[in-house]
Amino acid sequence: MEREVLNIVACEGSKRIVRPETYKQWQIRNRRAGFRQLPLDYEVVNKIKNKVKMEYHPNFMLNEDGHWMLQGWKGRIMFGTACWAPSKT
């Protein structure tokens, strides 16, 4: 995981080895595969935000976008977390 983070945070242009798909691309892919996104549990999200604020480096970020919880470093998103369930058809 160390190399993945380094690639996202420190590399630009041709120096970037891997260009991972964005969380929004995964959202489209999951919906096309027959899943629906569930809302975040805001009580859990707030607990995590408080822990990050108190115990993590100030450059570590935790944000929300729709039903996604996004984690990153210095404004760059590294991970997107969401909950999915099969669509009712």
N, C-alpha and C. Protein backbone atom coordinates (compact mmCIF):
# COMPACT_ATOMS: atom_id res chain seq x y z
N MET A 1 0.82 -1.17 0.00
CA MET A 1 0.00 0.00 0.00
C MET A 1 0.87 1.25 0.00
N GLU A 2 2.05 1.16 0.51
CA GLU A 2 2.96 2.32 0.58
C GLU A 2 3.23 2.90 -0.81
N ARG A 3 3.49 2.02 -1.79
CA ARG A 3 3.78 2.49 -3.15
C ARG A 3 2.55 3.15 -3.78
N GLU A 4 1.36 2.59 -3.49
CA GLU A 4 0.14 3.17 -4.03
C GLU A 4 -0.06 4.60 -3.54
N VAL A 5 0.15 4.81 -2.25
CA VAL A 5 -0.01 6.14 -1.67
C VAL A 5 1.04 7.08 -2.24
N LEU A 6 2.28 6.64 -2.31
CA LEU A 6 3.35 7.46 -2.87
C LEU A 6 3.02 7.86 -4.31
N ASN A 7 2.52 6.92 -5.09
CA ASN A 7 2.15 7.18 -6.48
C ASN A 7 1.07 8.27 -6.55
N ILE A 8 0.07 8.21 -5.70
CA ILE A 8 -1.03 9.18 -5.72
C ILE A 8 -0.57 10.54 -5.24
N VAL A 9 0.20 10.58 -4.17
CA VAL A 9 0.56 11.86 -3.52
C VAL A 9 1.71 12.56 -4.22
N ALA A 10 2.73 11.82 -4.63
CA ALA A 10 3.98 12.46 -5.06
C ALA A 10 4.21 12.48 -6.57
N CYS A 11 3.49 11.70 -7.34
CA CYS A 11 3.80 11.58 -8.76
C CYS A 11 2.79 12.31 -9.63
N GLU A 12 3.30 12.95 -10.66
CA GLU A 12 2.46 13.66 -11.63
C GLU A 12 2.89 13.28 -13.05
N GLY A 13 1.99 13.44 -13.98
CA GLY A 13 2.31 13.23 -15.39
C GLY A 13 2.87 11.86 -15.69
N SER A 14 3.95 11.84 -16.46
CA SER A 14 4.54 10.57 -16.89
C SER A 14 5.20 9.81 -15.75
N LYS A 15 5.47 10.47 -14.63
CA LYS A 15 6.09 9.80 -13.48
C LYS A 15 5.08 8.95 -12.72
N ARG A 16 3.81 9.18 -12.96
CA ARG A 16 2.78 8.42 -12.26
C ARG A 16 2.68 7.04 -12.87
N ILE A 17 2.88 6.02 -12.05
CA ILE A 17 2.93 4.64 -12.53
C ILE A 17 1.53 4.08 -12.76
N VAL A 18 0.66 4.27 -11.80
CA VAL A 18 -0.69 3.71 -11.87
C VAL A 18 -1.69 4.86 -11.82
N ARG A 19 -2.70 4.76 -12.61
CA ARG A 19 -3.78 5.74 -12.57
C ARG A 19 -5.06 5.02 -12.16
N PRO A 20 -5.27 4.90 -10.85
CA PRO A 20 -6.44 4.15 -10.38
C PRO A 20 -7.74 4.85 -10.78
N GLU A 21 -8.79 4.06 -10.91
CA GLU A 21 -10.10 4.62 -11.23
C GLU A 21 -10.59 5.47 -10.07
N THR A 22 -11.32 6.51 -10.38
CA THR A 22 -11.87 7.37 -9.34
C THR A 22 -13.07 6.69 -8.69
N TYR A 23 -13.43 7.19 -7.53
CA TYR A 23 -14.59 6.63 -6.84
C TYR A 23 -15.87 6.84 -7.65
N LYS A 24 -15.94 7.91 -8.43
CA LYS A 24 -17.11 8.15 -9.26
C LYS A 24 -17.18 7.14 -10.41
N GLN A 25 -16.03 6.70 -10.92
CA GLN A 25 -16.03 5.66 -11.95
C GLN A 25 -16.51 4.34 -11.35
N TRP A 26 -16.12 4.06 -10.10
CA TRP A 26 -16.58 2.84 -9.43
C TRP A 26 -18.08 2.90 -9.18
N GLN A 27 -18.58 4.09 -8.90
CA GLN A 27 -20.02 4.24 -8.67
C GLN A 27 -20.79 3.85 -9.93
N ILE A 28 -20.35 4.33 -11.07
CA ILE A 28 -20.99 3.99 -12.34
C ILE A 28 -20.89 2.49 -12.61
N ARG A 29 -19.71 1.94 -12.38
CA ARG A 29 -19.49 0.50 -12.61
C ARG A 29 -20.41 -0.36 -11.74
N ASN A 30 -20.50 0.00 -10.45
CA ASN A 30 -21.34 -0.78 -9.53
C ASN A 30 -22.82 -0.67 -9.89
N ARG A 31 -23.27 0.52 -10.28
CA ARG A 31 -24.67 0.67 -10.68
C ARG A 31 -24.98 -0.15 -11.93
N ARG A 32 -24.06 -0.14 -12.88
CA ARG A 32 -24.26 -0.94 -14.09
C ARG A 32 -24.28 -2.44 -13.79
N ALA A 33 -23.59 -2.83 -12.72
CA ALA A 33 -23.53 -4.24 -12.33
C ALA A 33 -24.76 -4.65 -11.51
N GLY A 34 -25.67 -3.71 -11.27
CA GLY A 34 -26.91 -4.07 -10.58
C GLY A 34 -26.90 -3.80 -9.08
N PHE A 35 -26.09 -2.88 -8.64
CA PHE A 35 -26.05 -2.53 -7.22
C PHE A 35 -26.59 -1.13 -7.00
N ARG A 36 -27.05 -0.87 -5.78
CA ARG A 36 -27.46 0.48 -5.39
C ARG A 36 -26.63 0.89 -4.19
N GLN A 37 -26.35 2.16 -4.11
CA GLN A 37 -25.52 2.67 -3.03
C GLN A 37 -26.39 3.01 -1.84
N LEU A 38 -25.95 2.59 -0.66
CA LEU A 38 -26.67 2.87 0.58
C LEU A 38 -26.10 4.11 1.24
N PRO A 39 -26.90 4.83 2.02
CA PRO A 39 -26.39 6.02 2.70
C PRO A 39 -25.38 5.66 3.78
N LEU A 40 -24.50 6.61 4.06
CA LEU A 40 -23.54 6.44 5.14
C LEU A 40 -24.25 6.54 6.48
N ASP A 41 -23.72 5.87 7.48
CA ASP A 41 -24.20 6.02 8.86
C ASP A 41 -23.47 7.23 9.44
N TYR A 42 -24.17 8.35 9.54
CA TYR A 42 -23.51 9.60 9.93
C TYR A 42 -22.99 9.58 11.36
N GLU A 43 -23.56 8.76 12.22
CA GLU A 43 -23.01 8.63 13.57
C GLU A 43 -21.61 8.03 13.50
N VAL A 44 -21.45 7.01 12.69
CA VAL A 44 -20.14 6.37 12.51
C VAL A 44 -19.17 7.35 11.84
N VAL A 45 -19.64 8.04 10.80
CA VAL A 45 -18.78 9.00 10.09
C VAL A 45 -18.29 10.08 11.05
N ASN A 46 -19.17 10.62 11.89
CA ASN A 46 -18.77 11.66 12.84
C ASN A 46 -17.77 11.15 13.86
N LYS A 47 -17.93 9.91 14.31
CA LYS A 47 -16.95 9.32 15.24
C LYS A 47 -15.57 9.22 14.57
N ILE A 48 -15.56 8.78 13.32
CA ILE A 48 -14.30 8.66 12.59
C ILE A 48 -13.67 10.03 12.39
N LYS A 49 -14.48 11.02 12.00
CA LYS A 49 -13.96 12.38 11.81
C LYS A 49 -13.33 12.92 13.09
N ASN A 50 -14.00 12.71 14.21
CA ASN A 50 -13.44 13.18 15.48
C ASN A 50 -12.13 12.49 15.82
N LYS A 51 -12.05 11.20 15.57
CA LYS A 51 -10.82 10.46 15.83
C LYS A 51 -9.69 10.98 14.94
N VAL A 52 -10.00 11.19 13.66
CA VAL A 52 -8.99 11.71 12.72
C VAL A 52 -8.51 13.08 13.17
N LYS A 53 -9.44 13.94 13.55
CA LYS A 53 -9.10 15.29 13.96
C LYS A 53 -8.19 15.30 15.19
N MET A 54 -8.42 14.37 16.12
CA MET A 54 -7.66 14.35 17.38
C MET A 54 -6.36 13.57 17.29
N GLU A 55 -6.30 12.53 16.46
CA GLU A 55 -5.18 11.60 16.52
C GLU A 55 -4.33 11.48 15.26
N TYR A 56 -4.75 12.10 14.17
CA TYR A 56 -4.03 11.93 12.92
C TYR A 56 -3.30 13.22 12.54
N HIS A 57 -2.38 13.09 11.62
CA HIS A 57 -1.63 14.24 11.10
C HIS A 57 -2.61 15.22 10.47
N PRO A 58 -2.37 16.52 10.61
CA PRO A 58 -3.30 17.52 10.06
C PRO A 58 -3.48 17.45 8.54
N ASN A 59 -2.53 16.86 7.82
CA ASN A 59 -2.65 16.76 6.37
C ASN A 59 -3.54 15.59 5.92
N PHE A 60 -3.88 14.71 6.87
CA PHE A 60 -4.79 13.61 6.54
C PHE A 60 -6.20 14.18 6.50
N MET A 61 -6.96 13.86 5.46
CA MET A 61 -8.30 14.39 5.34
C MET A 61 -9.34 13.30 5.29
N LEU A 62 -10.51 13.63 5.77
CA LEU A 62 -11.65 12.74 5.71
C LEU A 62 -12.85 13.61 5.34
N ASN A 63 -13.45 13.35 4.18
CA ASN A 63 -14.58 14.14 3.69
C ASN A 63 -15.68 13.21 3.23
N GLU A 64 -16.82 13.81 2.93
CA GLU A 64 -17.95 13.07 2.38
C GLU A 64 -18.34 13.68 1.04
N ASP A 65 -18.77 12.83 0.14
CA ASP A 65 -19.32 13.28 -1.13
C ASP A 65 -20.48 12.35 -1.44
N GLY A 66 -21.68 12.85 -1.28
CA GLY A 66 -22.84 12.00 -1.47
C GLY A 66 -22.82 10.89 -0.44
N HIS A 67 -22.85 9.65 -0.92
CA HIS A 67 -22.81 8.49 -0.01
C HIS A 67 -21.41 7.89 0.07
N TRP A 68 -20.40 8.69 -0.18
CA TRP A 68 -19.02 8.24 -0.13
C TRP A 68 -18.29 8.89 1.05
N MET A 69 -17.45 8.12 1.72
CA MET A 69 -16.52 8.67 2.70
C MET A 69 -15.15 8.63 2.03
N LEU A 70 -14.53 9.79 1.90
CA LEU A 70 -13.28 9.91 1.17
C LEU A 70 -12.13 10.17 2.13
N GLN A 71 -11.03 9.45 1.93
CA GLN A 71 -9.83 9.63 2.75
C GLN A 71 -8.69 10.06 1.83
N GLY A 72 -7.90 10.99 2.32
CA GLY A 72 -6.82 11.46 1.47
C GLY A 72 -5.71 12.12 2.25
N TRP A 73 -4.75 12.64 1.51
CA TRP A 73 -3.57 13.29 2.07
C TRP A 73 -3.34 14.57 1.28
N LYS A 74 -3.26 15.67 1.98
CA LYS A 74 -3.00 16.99 1.38
C LYS A 74 -3.95 17.28 0.21
N GLY A 75 -5.21 16.97 0.40
CA GLY A 75 -6.21 17.29 -0.60
C GLY A 75 -6.36 16.29 -1.72
N ARG A 76 -5.54 15.25 -1.76
CA ARG A 76 -5.64 14.23 -2.81
C ARG A 76 -6.37 13.01 -2.26
N ILE A 77 -7.40 12.60 -2.93
CA ILE A 77 -8.18 11.44 -2.49
C ILE A 77 -7.39 10.17 -2.76
N MET A 78 -7.25 9.36 -1.72
CA MET A 78 -6.57 8.07 -1.86
C MET A 78 -7.55 6.91 -1.84
N PHE A 79 -8.59 7.01 -1.01
CA PHE A 79 -9.55 5.92 -0.85
C PHE A 79 -10.96 6.48 -0.76
N GLY A 80 -11.89 5.77 -1.36
CA GLY A 80 -13.30 6.08 -1.23
C GLY A 80 -14.02 4.86 -0.67
N THR A 81 -14.82 5.07 0.36
CA THR A 81 -15.52 3.97 1.00
C THR A 81 -17.02 4.18 0.87
N ALA A 82 -17.73 3.14 0.51
CA ALA A 82 -19.17 3.21 0.36
C ALA A 82 -19.78 1.84 0.67
N CYS A 83 -21.07 1.84 0.87
CA CYS A 83 -21.79 0.59 1.15
C CYS A 83 -22.74 0.34 -0.01
N TRP A 84 -22.74 -0.88 -0.52
CA TRP A 84 -23.56 -1.23 -1.67
C TRP A 84 -24.41 -2.45 -1.37
N ALA A 85 -25.56 -2.53 -2.02
CA ALA A 85 -26.46 -3.68 -1.90
C ALA A 85 -27.02 -3.99 -3.28
N PRO A 86 -27.44 -5.24 -3.50
CA PRO A 86 -28.05 -5.55 -4.80
C PRO A 86 -29.32 -4.72 -5.01
N SER A 87 -29.50 -4.27 -6.23
CA SER A 87 -30.71 -3.51 -6.55
C SER A 87 -31.90 -4.45 -6.52
N LYS A 88 -33.01 -3.90 -6.10
CA LYS A 88 -34.25 -4.70 -6.10
C LYS A 88 -34.88 -4.59 -7.49
N THR A 89 -34.93 -5.72 -8.19
CA THR A 89 -35.47 -5.69 -9.56
C THR A 89 -36.67 -6.58 -9.67
